[in-house]
All heavy atoms as atom14 arrays in JSON, in Angstrom:
{
  "sequence": "SAGGTDSWSAALAPYIQDRLQVEHLTVNYRTPSRIMDRAVAMAQAHEL",
  "atom14_mask": [
    [1, 1, 1, 1, 1, 1, 0, 0, 0, 0, 0, 0, 0, 0],
    [1, 1, 1, 1, 1, 0, 0, 0, 0, 0, 0, 0, 0, 0],
    [1, 1, 1, 1, 0, 0, 0, 0, 0, 0, 0, 0, 0, 0],
    [1, 1, 1, 1, 0, 0, 0, 0, 0, 0, 0, 0, 0, 0],
    [1, 1, 1, 1, 1, 1, 1, 0, 0, 0, 0, 0, 0, 0],
    [1, 1, 1, 1, 1, 1, 1, 1, 0, 0, 0, 0, 0, 0],
    [1, 1, 1, 1, 1, 1, 0, 0, 0, 0, 0, 0, 0, 0],
    [1, 1, 1, 1, 1, 1, 1, 1, 1, 1, 1, 1, 1, 1],
    [1, 1, 1, 1, 1, 1, 0, 0, 0, 0, 0, 0, 0, 0],
    [1, 1, 1, 1, 1, 0, 0, 0, 0, 0, 0, 0, 0, 0],
    [1, 1, 1, 1, 1, 0, 0, 0, 0, 0, 0, 0, 0, 0],
    [1, 1, 1, 1, 1, 1, 1, 1, 0, 0, 0, 0, 0, 0],
    [1, 1, 1, 1, 1, 0, 0, 0, 0, 0, 0, 0, 0, 0],
    [1, 1, 1, 1, 1, 1, 1, 0, 0, 0, 0, 0, 0, 0],
    [1, 1, 1, 1, 1, 1, 1, 1, 1, 1, 1, 1, 0, 0],
    [1, 1, 1, 1, 1, 1, 1, 1, 0, 0, 0, 0, 0, 0],
    [1, 1, 1, 1, 1, 1, 1, 1, 1, 0, 0, 0, 0, 0],
    [1, 1, 1, 1, 1, 1, 1, 1, 0, 0, 0, 0, 0, 0],
    [1, 1, 1, 1, 1, 1, 1, 1, 1, 1, 1, 0, 0, 0],
    [1, 1, 1, 1, 1, 1, 1, 1, 0, 0, 0, 0, 0, 0],
    [1, 1, 1, 1, 1, 1, 1, 1, 1, 0, 0, 0, 0, 0],
    [1, 1, 1, 1, 1, 1, 1, 0, 0, 0, 0, 0, 0, 0],
    [1, 1, 1, 1, 1, 1, 1, 1, 1, 0, 0, 0, 0, 0],
    [1, 1, 1, 1, 1, 1, 1, 1, 1, 1, 0, 0, 0, 0],
    [1, 1, 1, 1, 1, 1, 1, 1, 0, 0, 0, 0, 0, 0],
    [1, 1, 1, 1, 1, 1, 1, 0, 0, 0, 0, 0, 0, 0],
    [1, 1, 1, 1, 1, 1, 1, 0, 0, 0, 0, 0, 0, 0],
    [1, 1, 1, 1, 1, 1, 1, 1, 0, 0, 0, 0, 0, 0],
    [1, 1, 1, 1, 1, 1, 1, 1, 1, 1, 1, 1, 0, 0],
    [1, 1, 1, 1, 1, 1, 1, 1, 1, 1, 1, 0, 0, 0],
    [1, 1, 1, 1, 1, 1, 1, 0, 0, 0, 0, 0, 0, 0],
    [1, 1, 1, 1, 1, 1, 1, 0, 0, 0, 0, 0, 0, 0],
    [1, 1, 1, 1, 1, 1, 0, 0, 0, 0, 0, 0, 0, 0],
    [1, 1, 1, 1, 1, 1, 1, 1, 1, 1, 1, 0, 0, 0],
    [1, 1, 1, 1, 1, 1, 1, 1, 0, 0, 0, 0, 0, 0],
    [1, 1, 1, 1, 1, 1, 1, 1, 0, 0, 0, 0, 0, 0],
    [1, 1, 1, 1, 1, 1, 1, 1, 0, 0, 0, 0, 0, 0],
    [1, 1, 1, 1, 1, 1, 1, 1, 1, 1, 1, 0, 0, 0],
    [1, 1, 1, 1, 1, 0, 0, 0, 0, 0, 0, 0, 0, 0],
    [1, 1, 1, 1, 1, 1, 1, 0, 0, 0, 0, 0, 0, 0],
    [1, 1, 1, 1, 1, 0, 0, 0, 0, 0, 0, 0, 0, 0],
    [1, 1, 1, 1, 1, 1, 1, 1, 0, 0, 0, 0, 0, 0],
    [1, 1, 1, 1, 1, 0, 0, 0, 0, 0, 0, 0, 0, 0],
    [1, 1, 1, 1, 1, 1, 1, 1, 1, 0, 0, 0, 0, 0],
    [1, 1, 1, 1, 1, 0, 0, 0, 0, 0, 0, 0, 0, 0],
    [1, 1, 1, 1, 1, 1, 1, 1, 1, 1, 0, 0, 0, 0],
    [1, 1, 1, 1, 1, 1, 1, 1, 1, 0, 0, 0, 0, 0],
    [1, 1, 1, 1, 1, 1, 1, 1, 0, 0, 0, 0, 0, 0]
  ],
  "atom14_positions": [
    [[28.03, 51.13, 167.98], [27.56, 50.54, 169.23], [26.23, 51.14, 169.63], [26.02, 52.36, 169.5], [28.59, 50.77, 170.34], [28.06, 50.44, 171.6], [0.0, 0.0, 0.0], [0.0, 0.0, 0.0], [0.0, 0.0, 0.0], [0.0, 0.0, 0.0], [0.0, 0.0, 0.0], [0.0, 0.0, 0.0], [0.0, 0.0, 0.0], [0.0, 0.0, 0.0]],
    [[25.33, 50.29, 170.12], [24.01, 50.77, 170.52], [24.09, 51.79, 171.64], [23.25, 52.68, 171.75], [23.15, 49.59, 170.96], [0.0, 0.0, 0.0], [0.0, 0.0, 0.0], [0.0, 0.0, 0.0], [0.0, 0.0, 0.0], [0.0, 0.0, 0.0], [0.0, 0.0, 0.0], [0.0, 0.0, 0.0], [0.0, 0.0, 0.0], [0.0, 0.0, 0.0]],
    [[25.12, 51.68, 172.48], [25.27, 52.61, 173.59], [26.27, 53.71, 173.33], [26.62, 54.46, 174.25], [0.0, 0.0, 0.0], [0.0, 0.0, 0.0], [0.0, 0.0, 0.0], [0.0, 0.0, 0.0], [0.0, 0.0, 0.0], [0.0, 0.0, 0.0], [0.0, 0.0, 0.0], [0.0, 0.0, 0.0], [0.0, 0.0, 0.0], [0.0, 0.0, 0.0]],
    [[26.75, 53.82, 172.08], [27.79, 54.79, 171.75], [27.29, 56.22, 171.71], [26.15, 56.52, 172.09], [0.0, 0.0, 0.0], [0.0, 0.0, 0.0], [0.0, 0.0, 0.0], [0.0, 0.0, 0.0], [0.0, 0.0, 0.0], [0.0, 0.0, 0.0], [0.0, 0.0, 0.0], [0.0, 0.0, 0.0], [0.0, 0.0, 0.0], [0.0, 0.0, 0.0]],
    [[28.16, 57.13, 171.22], [27.84, 58.56, 171.29], [27.9, 59.2, 169.91], [28.59, 58.73, 169.02], [28.83, 59.29, 172.23], [28.41, 60.64, 172.38], [30.24, 59.27, 171.65], [0.0, 0.0, 0.0], [0.0, 0.0, 0.0], [0.0, 0.0, 0.0], [0.0, 0.0, 0.0], [0.0, 0.0, 0.0], [0.0, 0.0, 0.0], [0.0, 0.0, 0.0]],
    [[27.16, 60.31, 169.77], [27.3, 61.16, 168.59], [27.7, 62.57, 168.98], [27.65, 63.49, 168.18], [26.0, 61.17, 167.78], [24.82, 61.69, 168.61], [25.03, 62.08, 169.76], [23.69, 61.66, 168.08], [0.0, 0.0, 0.0], [0.0, 0.0, 0.0], [0.0, 0.0, 0.0], [0.0, 0.0, 0.0], [0.0, 0.0, 0.0], [0.0, 0.0, 0.0]],
    [[28.14, 62.74, 170.24], [28.56, 64.05, 170.72], [29.61, 63.89, 171.81], [29.35, 63.27, 172.84], [27.35, 64.82, 171.28], [27.77, 65.95, 172.03], [0.0, 0.0, 0.0], [0.0, 0.0, 0.0], [0.0, 0.0, 0.0], [0.0, 0.0, 0.0], [0.0, 0.0, 0.0], [0.0, 0.0, 0.0], [0.0, 0.0, 0.0], [0.0, 0.0, 0.0]],
    [[30.8, 64.44, 171.57], [31.86, 64.34, 172.57], [31.51, 65.12, 173.83], [31.78, 64.67, 174.95], [33.18, 64.86, 172.0], [33.71, 64.05, 170.87], [33.97, 64.46, 169.6], [34.06, 62.66, 170.9], [34.44, 63.43, 168.83], [34.51, 62.31, 169.61], [34.01, 61.67, 171.88], [34.92, 61.02, 169.28], [34.42, 60.38, 171.55], [34.87, 60.07, 170.27]],
    [[30.94, 66.29, 173.69], [30.61, 67.08, 174.87], [29.56, 66.37, 175.72], [29.65, 66.36, 176.95], [30.12, 68.48, 174.47], [28.96, 68.39, 173.65], [0.0, 0.0, 0.0], [0.0, 0.0, 0.0], [0.0, 0.0, 0.0], [0.0, 0.0, 0.0], [0.0, 0.0, 0.0], [0.0, 0.0, 0.0], [0.0, 0.0, 0.0], [0.0, 0.0, 0.0]],
    [[28.57, 65.75, 175.07], [27.55, 65.03, 175.83], [28.15, 63.86, 176.57], [27.77, 63.55, 177.71], [26.44, 64.56, 174.89], [0.0, 0.0, 0.0], [0.0, 0.0, 0.0], [0.0, 0.0, 0.0], [0.0, 0.0, 0.0], [0.0, 0.0, 0.0], [0.0, 0.0, 0.0], [0.0, 0.0, 0.0], [0.0, 0.0, 0.0], [0.0, 0.0, 0.0]],
    [[29.11, 63.18, 175.95], [29.71, 62.0, 176.56], [30.67, 62.35, 177.69], [30.73, 61.63, 178.69], [30.44, 61.17, 175.5], [0.0, 0.0, 0.0], [0.0, 0.0, 0.0], [0.0, 0.0, 0.0], [0.0, 0.0, 0.0], [0.0, 0.0, 0.0], [0.0, 0.0, 0.0], [0.0, 0.0, 0.0], [0.0, 0.0, 0.0], [0.0, 0.0, 0.0]],
    [[31.42, 63.45, 177.55], [32.54, 63.71, 178.45], [32.35, 64.87, 179.41], [32.94, 64.89, 180.49], [33.81, 63.95, 177.62], [34.23, 62.77, 176.73], [35.35, 63.19, 175.79], [34.64, 61.58, 177.56], [0.0, 0.0, 0.0], [0.0, 0.0, 0.0], [0.0, 0.0, 0.0], [0.0, 0.0, 0.0], [0.0, 0.0, 0.0], [0.0, 0.0, 0.0]],
    [[31.54, 65.84, 179.04], [31.38, 67.02, 179.9], [30.94, 66.7, 181.33], [31.38, 67.38, 182.26], [30.41, 68.01, 179.25], [0.0, 0.0, 0.0], [0.0, 0.0, 0.0], [0.0, 0.0, 0.0], [0.0, 0.0, 0.0], [0.0, 0.0, 0.0], [0.0, 0.0, 0.0], [0.0, 0.0, 0.0], [0.0, 0.0, 0.0], [0.0, 0.0, 0.0]],
    [[30.1, 65.67, 181.55], [29.71, 65.39, 182.94], [30.89, 65.08, 183.86], [30.77, 65.21, 185.08], [28.79, 64.16, 182.79], [28.24, 64.26, 181.42], [29.36, 64.83, 180.6], [0.0, 0.0, 0.0], [0.0, 0.0, 0.0], [0.0, 0.0, 0.0], [0.0, 0.0, 0.0], [0.0, 0.0, 0.0], [0.0, 0.0, 0.0], [0.0, 0.0, 0.0]],
    [[32.03, 64.67, 183.29], [33.17, 64.27, 184.12], [34.25, 65.33, 184.19], [35.06, 65.34, 185.12], [33.77, 62.98, 183.57], [32.74, 61.91, 183.34], [32.27, 61.62, 182.07], [32.2, 61.2, 184.41], [31.31, 60.65, 181.86], [31.23, 60.23, 184.22], [30.79, 59.96, 182.93], [29.82, 59.01, 182.74], [0.0, 0.0, 0.0], [0.0, 0.0, 0.0]],
    [[34.31, 66.22, 183.19], [35.46, 67.12, 183.1], [35.09, 68.59, 182.96], [35.96, 69.44, 182.9], [36.37, 66.71, 181.93], [35.56, 66.69, 180.63], [37.01, 65.38, 182.19], [36.38, 66.5, 179.41], [0.0, 0.0, 0.0], [0.0, 0.0, 0.0], [0.0, 0.0, 0.0], [0.0, 0.0, 0.0], [0.0, 0.0, 0.0], [0.0, 0.0, 0.0]],
    [[33.81, 68.9, 182.86], [33.34, 70.27, 182.72], [34.07, 70.99, 181.58], [33.94, 70.61, 180.44], [33.48, 71.04, 184.05], [32.49, 70.61, 185.1], [32.92, 69.31, 185.78], [34.07, 69.15, 186.16], [31.99, 68.38, 185.96], [0.0, 0.0, 0.0], [0.0, 0.0, 0.0], [0.0, 0.0, 0.0], [0.0, 0.0, 0.0], [0.0, 0.0, 0.0]],
    [[34.9, 71.98, 181.92], [35.52, 72.81, 180.87], [36.93, 72.35, 180.5], [37.67, 73.08, 179.85], [35.57, 74.27, 181.32], [36.37, 74.46, 182.61], [36.71, 73.44, 183.25], [36.65, 75.62, 182.97], [0.0, 0.0, 0.0], [0.0, 0.0, 0.0], [0.0, 0.0, 0.0], [0.0, 0.0, 0.0], [0.0, 0.0, 0.0], [0.0, 0.0, 0.0]],
    [[37.32, 71.14, 180.9], [38.68, 70.67, 180.6], [38.72, 69.84, 179.32], [39.62, 69.06, 179.11], [39.23, 69.85, 181.77], [39.45, 70.66, 183.04], [40.02, 69.79, 184.13], [41.35, 69.3, 183.78], [41.92, 68.24, 184.37], [41.27, 67.57, 185.3], [43.13, 67.86, 184.02], [0.0, 0.0, 0.0], [0.0, 0.0, 0.0], [0.0, 0.0, 0.0]],
    [[37.73, 70.02, 178.46], [37.66, 69.27, 177.21], [38.24, 70.1, 176.07], [37.83, 71.23, 175.83], [36.2, 68.91, 176.91], [35.93, 68.2, 175.58], [36.62, 66.86, 175.55], [34.44, 68.05, 175.36], [0.0, 0.0, 0.0], [0.0, 0.0, 0.0], [0.0, 0.0, 0.0], [0.0, 0.0, 0.0], [0.0, 0.0, 0.0], [0.0, 0.0, 0.0]],
    [[39.22, 69.53, 175.38], [39.81, 70.17, 174.21], [39.62, 69.24, 173.01], [40.04, 68.09, 173.06], [41.3, 70.45, 174.45], [42.03, 71.04, 173.24], [43.5, 71.27, 173.53], [43.92, 71.33, 174.69], [44.3, 71.4, 172.48], [0.0, 0.0, 0.0], [0.0, 0.0, 0.0], [0.0, 0.0, 0.0], [0.0, 0.0, 0.0], [0.0, 0.0, 0.0]],
    [[39.0, 69.74, 171.97], [38.74, 68.92, 170.78], [39.63, 69.4, 169.64], [39.62, 70.57, 169.28], [37.25, 68.99, 170.36], [37.02, 68.13, 169.12], [36.35, 68.53, 171.5], [0.0, 0.0, 0.0], [0.0, 0.0, 0.0], [0.0, 0.0, 0.0], [0.0, 0.0, 0.0], [0.0, 0.0, 0.0], [0.0, 0.0, 0.0], [0.0, 0.0, 0.0]],
    [[40.43, 68.49, 169.09], [41.28, 68.76, 167.94], [40.76, 67.96, 166.75], [40.25, 66.86, 166.91], [42.73, 68.37, 168.23], [43.38, 69.14, 169.36], [43.85, 70.52, 168.93], [43.75, 70.82, 167.72], [44.31, 71.28, 169.79], [0.0, 0.0, 0.0], [0.0, 0.0, 0.0], [0.0, 0.0, 0.0], [0.0, 0.0, 0.0], [0.0, 0.0, 0.0]],
    [[40.9, 68.53, 165.56], [40.38, 67.87, 164.37], [41.54, 67.52, 163.42], [42.41, 68.36, 163.16], [39.38, 68.77, 163.64], [38.11, 69.0, 164.42], [37.01, 68.19, 164.31], [37.81, 69.95, 165.34], [36.06, 68.63, 165.12], [36.52, 69.69, 165.76], [0.0, 0.0, 0.0], [0.0, 0.0, 0.0], [0.0, 0.0, 0.0], [0.0, 0.0, 0.0]],
    [[41.53, 66.28, 162.93], [42.45, 65.87, 161.87], [41.67, 65.9, 160.56], [40.56, 65.36, 160.48], [43.0, 64.48, 162.14], [43.92, 64.36, 163.36], [44.3, 62.9, 163.6], [45.18, 65.2, 163.18], [0.0, 0.0, 0.0], [0.0, 0.0, 0.0], [0.0, 0.0, 0.0], [0.0, 0.0, 0.0], [0.0, 0.0, 0.0], [0.0, 0.0, 0.0]],
    [[42.24, 66.49, 159.55], [41.48, 66.78, 158.33], [42.04, 66.14, 157.07], [41.45, 66.3, 156.01], [41.41, 68.3, 158.13], [42.75, 68.82, 158.01], [40.72, 68.99, 159.29], [0.0, 0.0, 0.0], [0.0, 0.0, 0.0], [0.0, 0.0, 0.0], [0.0, 0.0, 0.0], [0.0, 0.0, 0.0], [0.0, 0.0, 0.0], [0.0, 0.0, 0.0]],
    [[43.18, 65.45, 157.19], [43.81, 64.87, 156.0], [43.75, 63.35, 156.07], [44.18, 62.75, 157.07], [45.29, 65.34, 155.87], [45.92, 64.71, 154.64], [45.36, 66.85, 155.81], [0.0, 0.0, 0.0], [0.0, 0.0, 0.0], [0.0, 0.0, 0.0], [0.0, 0.0, 0.0], [0.0, 0.0, 0.0], [0.0, 0.0, 0.0], [0.0, 0.0, 0.0]],
    [[43.21, 62.73, 155.04], [43.12, 61.27, 154.96], [44.37, 60.75, 154.27], [44.59, 61.01, 153.08], [41.86, 60.87, 154.17], [41.62, 59.38, 154.19], [42.55, 58.59, 154.19], [40.36, 58.99, 154.18], [0.0, 0.0, 0.0], [0.0, 0.0, 0.0], [0.0, 0.0, 0.0], [0.0, 0.0, 0.0], [0.0, 0.0, 0.0], [0.0, 0.0, 0.0]],
    [[45.18, 60.01, 155.02], [46.42, 59.47, 154.46], [46.23, 58.06, 153.91], [47.13, 57.53, 153.27], [47.52, 59.44, 155.54], [47.81, 60.81, 156.11], [47.28, 61.19, 157.33], [48.58, 61.72, 155.4], [47.53, 62.45, 157.85], [48.83, 62.98, 155.91], [48.3, 63.34, 157.13], [48.53, 64.6, 157.63], [0.0, 0.0, 0.0], [0.0, 0.0, 0.0]],
    [[45.1, 57.44, 154.2], [44.89, 56.04, 153.83], [44.09, 55.87, 152.55], [44.51, 55.2, 151.61], [44.18, 55.3, 154.97], [43.8, 53.88, 154.6], [43.19, 53.14, 155.77], [41.93, 53.7, 156.19], [41.59, 53.9, 157.47], [42.43, 53.61, 158.43], [40.4, 54.4, 157.78], [0.0, 0.0, 0.0], [0.0, 0.0, 0.0], [0.0, 0.0, 0.0]],
    [[42.89, 56.45, 152.52], [41.92, 56.12, 151.48], [41.99, 57.1, 150.32], [41.82, 58.31, 150.52], [40.49, 56.12, 152.07], [40.5, 55.43, 153.31], [39.52, 55.45, 151.11], [0.0, 0.0, 0.0], [0.0, 0.0, 0.0], [0.0, 0.0, 0.0], [0.0, 0.0, 0.0], [0.0, 0.0, 0.0], [0.0, 0.0, 0.0], [0.0, 0.0, 0.0]],
    [[42.23, 56.63, 149.1], [42.27, 57.53, 147.95], [40.94, 58.25, 147.77], [39.88, 57.72, 148.12], [42.56, 56.59, 146.77], [43.13, 55.36, 147.38], [42.49, 55.22, 148.72], [0.0, 0.0, 0.0], [0.0, 0.0, 0.0], [0.0, 0.0, 0.0], [0.0, 0.0, 0.0], [0.0, 0.0, 0.0], [0.0, 0.0, 0.0], [0.0, 0.0, 0.0]],
    [[40.99, 59.44, 147.21], [39.77, 60.25, 147.08], [38.72, 59.57, 146.21], [37.52, 59.76, 146.43], [40.12, 61.63, 146.52], [40.71, 61.52, 145.23], [0.0, 0.0, 0.0], [0.0, 0.0, 0.0], [0.0, 0.0, 0.0], [0.0, 0.0, 0.0], [0.0, 0.0, 0.0], [0.0, 0.0, 0.0], [0.0, 0.0, 0.0], [0.0, 0.0, 0.0]],
    [[39.14, 58.76, 145.23], [38.16, 58.11, 144.36], [37.31, 57.1, 145.12], [36.19, 56.79, 144.72], [38.87, 57.45, 143.18], [39.49, 58.47, 142.25], [40.43, 57.86, 141.22], [39.72, 57.17, 140.16], [40.3, 56.74, 139.04], [41.6, 56.97, 138.86], [39.61, 56.11, 138.12], [0.0, 0.0, 0.0], [0.0, 0.0, 0.0], [0.0, 0.0, 0.0]],
    [[37.84, 56.6, 146.22], [37.06, 55.72, 147.1], [36.41, 56.53, 148.22], [35.23, 56.37, 148.53], [37.97, 54.62, 147.71], [38.49, 53.7, 146.6], [37.22, 53.83, 148.77], [39.49, 52.66, 147.08], [0.0, 0.0, 0.0], [0.0, 0.0, 0.0], [0.0, 0.0, 0.0], [0.0, 0.0, 0.0], [0.0, 0.0, 0.0], [0.0, 0.0, 0.0]],
    [[37.16, 57.45, 148.81], [36.66, 58.2, 149.96], [35.48, 59.08, 149.59], [34.54, 59.23, 150.39], [37.78, 59.04, 150.56], [37.46, 59.57, 151.95], [37.24, 58.22, 153.14], [36.12, 59.01, 154.3], [0.0, 0.0, 0.0], [0.0, 0.0, 0.0], [0.0, 0.0, 0.0], [0.0, 0.0, 0.0], [0.0, 0.0, 0.0], [0.0, 0.0, 0.0]],
    [[35.5, 59.65, 148.41], [34.38, 60.5, 148.0], [33.07, 59.71, 147.98], [32.01, 60.23, 148.33], [34.65, 61.11, 146.62], [35.75, 62.17, 146.65], [36.16, 62.56, 147.76], [36.2, 62.58, 145.57], [0.0, 0.0, 0.0], [0.0, 0.0, 0.0], [0.0, 0.0, 0.0], [0.0, 0.0, 0.0], [0.0, 0.0, 0.0], [0.0, 0.0, 0.0]],
    [[33.16, 58.46, 147.57], [31.96, 57.6, 147.54], [31.49, 57.29, 148.96], [30.29, 57.29, 149.25], [32.27, 56.31, 146.78], [31.05, 55.53, 146.33], [30.33, 56.19, 145.15], [31.17, 56.28, 143.97], [31.29, 55.32, 143.05], [30.63, 54.17, 143.2], [32.04, 55.5, 141.99], [0.0, 0.0, 0.0], [0.0, 0.0, 0.0], [0.0, 0.0, 0.0]],
    [[32.44, 57.04, 149.86], [32.08, 56.76, 151.26], [31.41, 57.98, 151.89], [30.41, 57.86, 152.62], [33.31, 56.36, 152.06], [0.0, 0.0, 0.0], [0.0, 0.0, 0.0], [0.0, 0.0, 0.0], [0.0, 0.0, 0.0], [0.0, 0.0, 0.0], [0.0, 0.0, 0.0], [0.0, 0.0, 0.0], [0.0, 0.0, 0.0], [0.0, 0.0, 0.0]],
    [[31.95, 59.17, 151.62], [31.37, 60.39, 152.18], [29.98, 60.63, 151.61], [29.05, 61.04, 152.34], [32.3, 61.59, 151.9], [31.6, 62.91, 152.24], [33.59, 61.45, 152.69], [0.0, 0.0, 0.0], [0.0, 0.0, 0.0], [0.0, 0.0, 0.0], [0.0, 0.0, 0.0], [0.0, 0.0, 0.0], [0.0, 0.0, 0.0], [0.0, 0.0, 0.0]],
    [[29.8, 60.39, 150.32], [28.47, 60.57, 149.71], [27.44, 59.67, 150.37], [26.3, 60.08, 150.64], [28.55, 60.28, 148.21], [0.0, 0.0, 0.0], [0.0, 0.0, 0.0], [0.0, 0.0, 0.0], [0.0, 0.0, 0.0], [0.0, 0.0, 0.0], [0.0, 0.0, 0.0], [0.0, 0.0, 0.0], [0.0, 0.0, 0.0], [0.0, 0.0, 0.0]],
    [[27.82, 58.43, 150.65], [26.91, 57.51, 151.34], [26.6, 58.03, 152.75], [25.43, 58.06, 153.18], [27.54, 56.12, 151.41], [26.65, 55.03, 152.01], [26.47, 55.06, 153.82], [28.19, 54.93, 154.33], [0.0, 0.0, 0.0], [0.0, 0.0, 0.0], [0.0, 0.0, 0.0], [0.0, 0.0, 0.0], [0.0, 0.0, 0.0], [0.0, 0.0, 0.0]],
    [[27.63, 58.45, 153.46], [27.44, 58.93, 154.83], [26.53, 60.15, 154.86], [25.63, 60.26, 155.72], [28.79, 59.25, 155.46], [0.0, 0.0, 0.0], [0.0, 0.0, 0.0], [0.0, 0.0, 0.0], [0.0, 0.0, 0.0], [0.0, 0.0, 0.0], [0.0, 0.0, 0.0], [0.0, 0.0, 0.0], [0.0, 0.0, 0.0], [0.0, 0.0, 0.0]],
    [[26.73, 61.08, 153.95], [25.9, 62.28, 153.92], [24.46, 61.95, 153.54], [23.52, 62.56, 154.07], [26.49, 63.3, 152.94], [27.81, 63.88, 153.42], [28.47, 64.78, 152.4], [28.22, 64.66, 151.2], [29.34, 65.67, 152.87], [0.0, 0.0, 0.0], [0.0, 0.0, 0.0], [0.0, 0.0, 0.0], [0.0, 0.0, 0.0], [0.0, 0.0, 0.0]],
    [[24.29, 60.96, 152.67], [22.93, 60.55, 152.3], [22.17, 59.99, 153.48], [20.93, 60.02, 153.51], [22.99, 59.52, 151.17], [0.0, 0.0, 0.0], [0.0, 0.0, 0.0], [0.0, 0.0, 0.0], [0.0, 0.0, 0.0], [0.0, 0.0, 0.0], [0.0, 0.0, 0.0], [0.0, 0.0, 0.0], [0.0, 0.0, 0.0], [0.0, 0.0, 0.0]],
    [[22.91, 59.46, 154.47], [22.28, 58.89, 155.67], [22.43, 59.83, 156.88], [22.24, 59.41, 158.01], [22.86, 57.51, 155.97], [22.47, 56.48, 154.95], [23.13, 56.35, 153.76], [21.47, 55.57, 154.94], [22.58, 55.37, 153.05], [21.56, 54.9, 153.74], [0.0, 0.0, 0.0], [0.0, 0.0, 0.0], [0.0, 0.0, 0.0], [0.0, 0.0, 0.0]],
    [[22.81, 61.09, 156.6], [22.86, 62.15, 157.62], [23.8, 61.83, 158.77], [23.54, 62.16, 159.92], [21.45, 62.46, 158.14], [20.51, 62.93, 157.04], [19.13, 63.28, 157.57], [18.79, 62.86, 158.7], [18.39, 63.99, 156.87], [0.0, 0.0, 0.0], [0.0, 0.0, 0.0], [0.0, 0.0, 0.0], [0.0, 0.0, 0.0], [0.0, 0.0, 0.0]],
    [[24.92, 61.17, 158.47], [25.94, 60.97, 159.49], [26.72, 62.27, 159.68], [26.94, 63.02, 158.73], [26.91, 59.85, 159.07], [26.34, 58.44, 158.95], [27.43, 57.47, 158.52], [25.72, 57.99, 160.25], [0.0, 0.0, 0.0], [0.0, 0.0, 0.0], [0.0, 0.0, 0.0], [0.0, 0.0, 0.0], [0.0, 0.0, 0.0], [0.0, 0.0, 0.0]]
  ]
}
């Protein structure tokens, strides 16, 4: 989205100050690594 965000703190801190808790999920249950590795390589090449 043209108006979307690339930073959770920038998007949410104005409303909640220090009440922001960020949790990370690290395991991909959907996409096999032979496909996901290619998607990640593309994303990194475009500095996502």
